[in-house]
Structures are given as C-alpha cells and as structure tokens.
Amino acid sequence: MFTPKIPPPDTAPTPGTSLVPPLTGLVHPPACTCHHTPAAPTAPVPAAPARPAARFTLGSLLVAAAGGTAVVLVVGTVLVSMLLATAITAASVAVCAVVLRSLLNRPNNR
C-alpha cells in the first residue's frame, strides 16, 4: 500500500526524449499586409536646459529650521509620553502583585 507505483520500463519516457513533439514547419504570417516605407530618422531631441542651483533665502531657512524643530519636539513628546505610560503601567502591576501576595499570605496569620 505504501510502496511507490513505478510505471513499467516500456511505458516510462527515457531521459533523452521529450513528451512534447517539436514544432516544425510553423510559419508566422506578417503582422499586416500593407507596404510601408521605413520612416526617416528623426532629429535628436535637444537636451533640457540646465536648471540653476536652488537658492535659499533667510526666510526659507528660518521656516525650515522652525519646522524641523517642531517635528523633533512633537516626536520627542510622543515618545516620552509612551515611555511614561509604560512606566506607570509597570508600577501599577507591581503594586497589584504586592497587594495580591499580601492578601494570599495573610489568611495563614489570622
């Protein structure tokens, strides 16, 4: 029941033969029957003019610095609040563990 079923040697394909017969005599028709003349080569596209380097004014630099500072402050506030929430949660779990431990050990002393 668990032995593999191997086909007899006379029906098994040999390693050098393929199960799919090769395609011979296959002729593709042309894509269209009209007669086109090859298109004349087009002129090369001119390169785009060089753009001037970016120029920053004092106002734009101040706005960029203020925006970066605001982003750093907001991200820092969020991260600190997440750390504070984790610390408060850990402290409350520790207090609950101490209270539960004292409640479970007290009945023996009463």
C-alpha atoms as a PDB file:
ATOM      1  CA  MET A   1       0.000   0.000   0.000  1.00  0.00           C
ATOM      2  CA  PHE A   2       2.791   2.424   0.856  1.00  0.00           C
ATOM      3  CA  THR A   3       5.190   1.337  -1.864  1.00  0.00           C
ATOM      4  CA  PRO A   4       5.648   3.741  -4.788  1.00  0.00           C
ATOM      5  CA  LYS A   5       3.962   2.854  -8.050  1.00  0.00           C
ATOM      6  CA  ILE A   6       6.615   2.992 -10.774  1.00  0.00           C
ATOM      7  CA  PRO A   7       5.461   2.579 -14.388  1.00  0.00           C
ATOM      8  CA  PRO A   8       6.811  -0.406 -16.246  1.00  0.00           C
ATOM      9  CA  PRO A   9      10.031   0.262 -18.182  1.00  0.00           C
ATOM     10  CA  ASP A  10       8.381   0.003 -21.591  1.00  0.00           C
ATOM     11  CA  THR A  11       5.983   2.963 -20.953  1.00  0.00           C
ATOM     12  CA  ALA A  12       8.322   5.233 -18.996  1.00  0.00           C
ATOM     13  CA  PRO A  13       9.966   8.005 -21.086  1.00  0.00           C
ATOM     14  CA  THR A  14      13.700   7.837 -21.453  1.00  0.00           C
ATOM     15  CA  PRO A  15      15.722  10.752 -20.082  1.00  0.00           C
ATOM     16  CA  GLY A  16      16.788  11.931 -23.552  1.00  0.00           C
ATOM     17  CA  THR A  17      13.290  12.164 -25.067  1.00  0.00           C
ATOM     18  CA  SER A  18      10.594  14.760 -24.610  1.00  0.00           C
ATOM     19  CA  LEU A  19       6.878  14.133 -24.204  1.00  0.00           C
ATOM     20  CA  VAL A  20       6.069  17.173 -26.392  1.00  0.00           C
ATOM     21  CA  PRO A  21       6.759  16.751 -30.130  1.00  0.00           C
ATOM     22  CA  PRO A  22       8.857  19.567 -31.656  1.00  0.00           C
ATOM     23  CA  LEU A  23       7.077  22.179 -33.780  1.00  0.00           C
ATOM     24  CA  THR A  24       8.292  22.002 -37.353  1.00  0.00           C
ATOM     25  CA  GLY A  25       7.110  23.861 -40.419  1.00  0.00           C
ATOM     26  CA  LEU A  26       5.485  26.620 -38.391  1.00  0.00           C
ATOM     27  CA  VAL A  27       5.299  29.831 -40.447  1.00  0.00           C
ATOM     28  CA  HIS A  28       4.025  33.076 -38.951  1.00  0.00           C
ATOM     29  CA  PRO A  29       2.011  35.394 -41.216  1.00  0.00           C
ATOM     30  CA  PRO A  30       3.175  39.013 -41.383  1.00  0.00           C
ATOM     31  CA  ALA A  31       1.591  41.433 -38.925  1.00  0.00           C
ATOM     32  CA  CYS A  32      -0.006  43.461 -41.742  1.00  0.00           C
ATOM     33  CA  THR A  33      -0.296  43.150 -45.497  1.00  0.00           C
ATOM     34  CA  CYS A  34       0.256  46.815 -46.324  1.00  0.00           C
ATOM     35  CA  HIS A  35       3.596  48.006 -47.644  1.00  0.00           C
ATOM     36  CA  HIS A  36       5.282  50.611 -45.511  1.00  0.00           C
ATOM     37  CA  THR A  37       8.407  52.527 -46.280  1.00  0.00           C
ATOM     38  CA  PRO A  38      10.800  52.873 -43.375  1.00  0.00           C
ATOM     39  CA  ALA A  39      10.404  56.154 -41.528  1.00  0.00           C
ATOM     40  CA  ALA A  40      13.093  58.768 -41.946  1.00  0.00           C
ATOM     41  CA  PRO A  41      15.308  59.169 -38.897  1.00  0.00           C
ATOM     42  CA  THR A  42      14.121  61.987 -36.676  1.00  0.00           C
ATOM     43  CA  ALA A  43      16.311  64.753 -35.361  1.00  0.00           C
ATOM     44  CA  PRO A  44      17.729  64.160 -31.895  1.00  0.00           C
ATOM     45  CA  VAL A  45      15.814  65.753 -29.050  1.00  0.00           C
ATOM     46  CA  PRO A  46      17.702  68.694 -27.612  1.00  0.00           C
ATOM     47  CA  ALA A  47      18.817  68.345 -24.031  1.00  0.00           C
ATOM     48  CA  ALA A  48      16.854  70.220 -21.393  1.00  0.00           C
ATOM     49  CA  PRO A  49      18.482  73.455 -20.279  1.00  0.00           C
ATOM     50  CA  ALA A  50      20.417  73.213 -17.059  1.00  0.00           C
ATOM     51  CA  ARG A  51      18.410  74.340 -14.075  1.00  0.00           C
ATOM     52  CA  PRO A  52      20.004  76.821 -11.713  1.00  0.00           C
ATOM     53  CA  ALA A  53      21.007  75.636  -8.278  1.00  0.00           C
ATOM     54  CA  ALA A  54      18.438  76.028  -5.513  1.00  0.00           C
ATOM     55  CA  ARG A  55      18.696  79.362  -3.742  1.00  0.00           C
ATOM     56  CA  PHE A  56      17.643  79.702  -0.144  1.00  0.00           C
ATOM     57  CA  THR A  57      16.655  82.973   1.388  1.00  0.00           C
ATOM     58  CA  LEU A  58      16.954  83.795   5.071  1.00  0.00           C
ATOM     59  CA  GLY A  59      13.195  83.446   5.488  1.00  0.00           C
ATOM     60  CA  SER A  60      13.047  79.997   3.909  1.00  0.00           C
ATOM     61  CA  LEU A  61      15.954  78.803   6.061  1.00  0.00           C
ATOM     62  CA  LEU A  62      14.222  80.080   9.204  1.00  0.00           C
ATOM     63  CA  VAL A  63      10.976  78.335   8.218  1.00  0.00           C
ATOM     64  CA  ALA A  64      12.845  75.071   7.550  1.00  0.00           C
ATOM     65  CA  ALA A  65      14.655  75.276  10.898  1.00  0.00           C
ATOM     66  CA  ALA A  66      11.419  76.062  12.753  1.00  0.00           C
ATOM     67  CA  GLY A  67       9.634  73.182  11.025  1.00  0.00           C
ATOM     68  CA  GLY A  68      12.428  70.751  11.874  1.00  0.00           C
ATOM     69  CA  THR A  69      12.438  71.898  15.485  1.00  0.00           C
ATOM     70  CA  ALA A  70       8.660  71.451  15.706  1.00  0.00           C
ATOM     71  CA  VAL A  71       8.875  67.930  14.290  1.00  0.00           C
ATOM     72  CA  VAL A  72      11.624  66.965  16.762  1.00  0.00           C
ATOM     73  CA  LEU A  73       9.631  68.370  19.688  1.00  0.00           C
ATOM     74  CA  VAL A  74       6.416  66.600  18.687  1.00  0.00           C
ATOM     75  CA  VAL A  75       8.132  63.250  18.116  1.00  0.00           C
ATOM     76  CA  GLY A  76      10.038  63.602  21.382  1.00  0.00           C
ATOM     77  CA  THR A  77       6.838  64.399  23.282  1.00  0.00           C
ATOM     78  CA  VAL A  78       5.080  61.361  21.859  1.00  0.00           C
ATOM     79  CA  LEU A  79       7.995  59.059  22.688  1.00  0.00           C
ATOM     80  CA  VAL A  80       8.334  60.391  26.232  1.00  0.00           C
ATOM     81  CA  SER A  81       4.602  60.021  26.850  1.00  0.00           C
ATOM     82  CA  MET A  82       4.723  56.421  25.627  1.00  0.00           C
ATOM     83  CA  LEU A  83       7.662  55.708  27.952  1.00  0.00           C
ATOM     84  CA  LEU A  84       5.811  57.336  30.847  1.00  0.00           C
ATOM     85  CA  ALA A  85       2.691  55.274  30.158  1.00  0.00           C
ATOM     86  CA  THR A  86       4.779  52.104  30.158  1.00  0.00           C
ATOM     87  CA  ALA A  87       6.443  53.066  33.450  1.00  0.00           C
ATOM     88  CA  ILE A  88       3.090  53.845  35.114  1.00  0.00           C
ATOM     89  CA  THR A  89       1.643  50.550  33.903  1.00  0.00           C
ATOM     90  CA  ALA A  90       4.648  48.611  35.221  1.00  0.00           C
ATOM     91  CA  ALA A  91       4.428  50.346  38.591  1.00  0.00           C
ATOM     92  CA  SER A  92       0.711  49.617  38.920  1.00  0.00           C
ATOM     93  CA  VAL A  93       1.244  45.946  38.012  1.00  0.00           C
ATOM     94  CA  ALA A  94       3.983  45.753  40.653  1.00  0.00           C
ATOM     95  CA  VAL A  95       1.710  47.296  43.298  1.00  0.00           C
ATOM     96  CA  CYS A  96      -1.084  44.859  42.378  1.00  0.00           C
ATOM     97  CA  ALA A  97       1.351  41.944  42.680  1.00  0.00           C
ATOM     98  CA  VAL A  98       2.451  43.087  46.148  1.00  0.00           C
ATOM     99  CA  VAL A  99      -1.163  43.534  47.292  1.00  0.00           C
ATOM    100  CA  LEU A 100      -2.216  40.139  45.940  1.00  0.00           C
ATOM    101  CA  ARG A 101       0.789  38.499  47.577  1.00  0.00           C
ATOM    102  CA  SER A 102      -0.020  40.058  50.929  1.00  0.00           C
ATOM    103  CA  LEU A 103      -3.700  39.085  50.626  1.00  0.00           C
ATOM    104  CA  LEU A 104      -2.837  35.494  49.807  1.00  0.00           C
ATOM    105  CA  ASN A 105      -0.296  35.182  52.653  1.00  0.00           C
ATOM    106  CA  ARG A 106      -2.392  36.901  55.384  1.00  0.00           C
ATOM    107  CA  PRO A 107      -5.039  34.190  55.944  1.00  0.00           C
ATOM    108  CA  ASN A 108      -2.376  31.937  57.485  1.00  0.00           C
ATOM    109  CA  ASN A 109      -1.558  34.603  60.088  1.00  0.00           C
ATOM    110  CA  ARG A 110      -5.171  35.335  61.152  1.00  0.00           C
END
